[in-house]
Amino acid sequence: MDNTFLSRALEADIFEAYQSPELTNIADEFKLDPSNRALPVDYGDVCINYDKSISPKIISSSPIF
């Protein structure tokens, strides 16, 4: 589960709260649910790679974009 869909999952109440003994080791900036229904396990940067030689016209007509 990533933070893109986390709000939907929390609204649907599909997680149970868990008071992990590791909560004290998790930085507050990564605690996205005050009820501890979703705890972070990993984080990282997102990198988008693209090829400048591909025409924007091709990309906009492609079914995968």
Foldseek 3Di string as FASTA:
>chain_A
DDPVCVVVCVVVVPFDADDDPCVVVDDPVQPPDPSRRDHDDDDDDDDDDDDPVDDPVCVVPDPVD
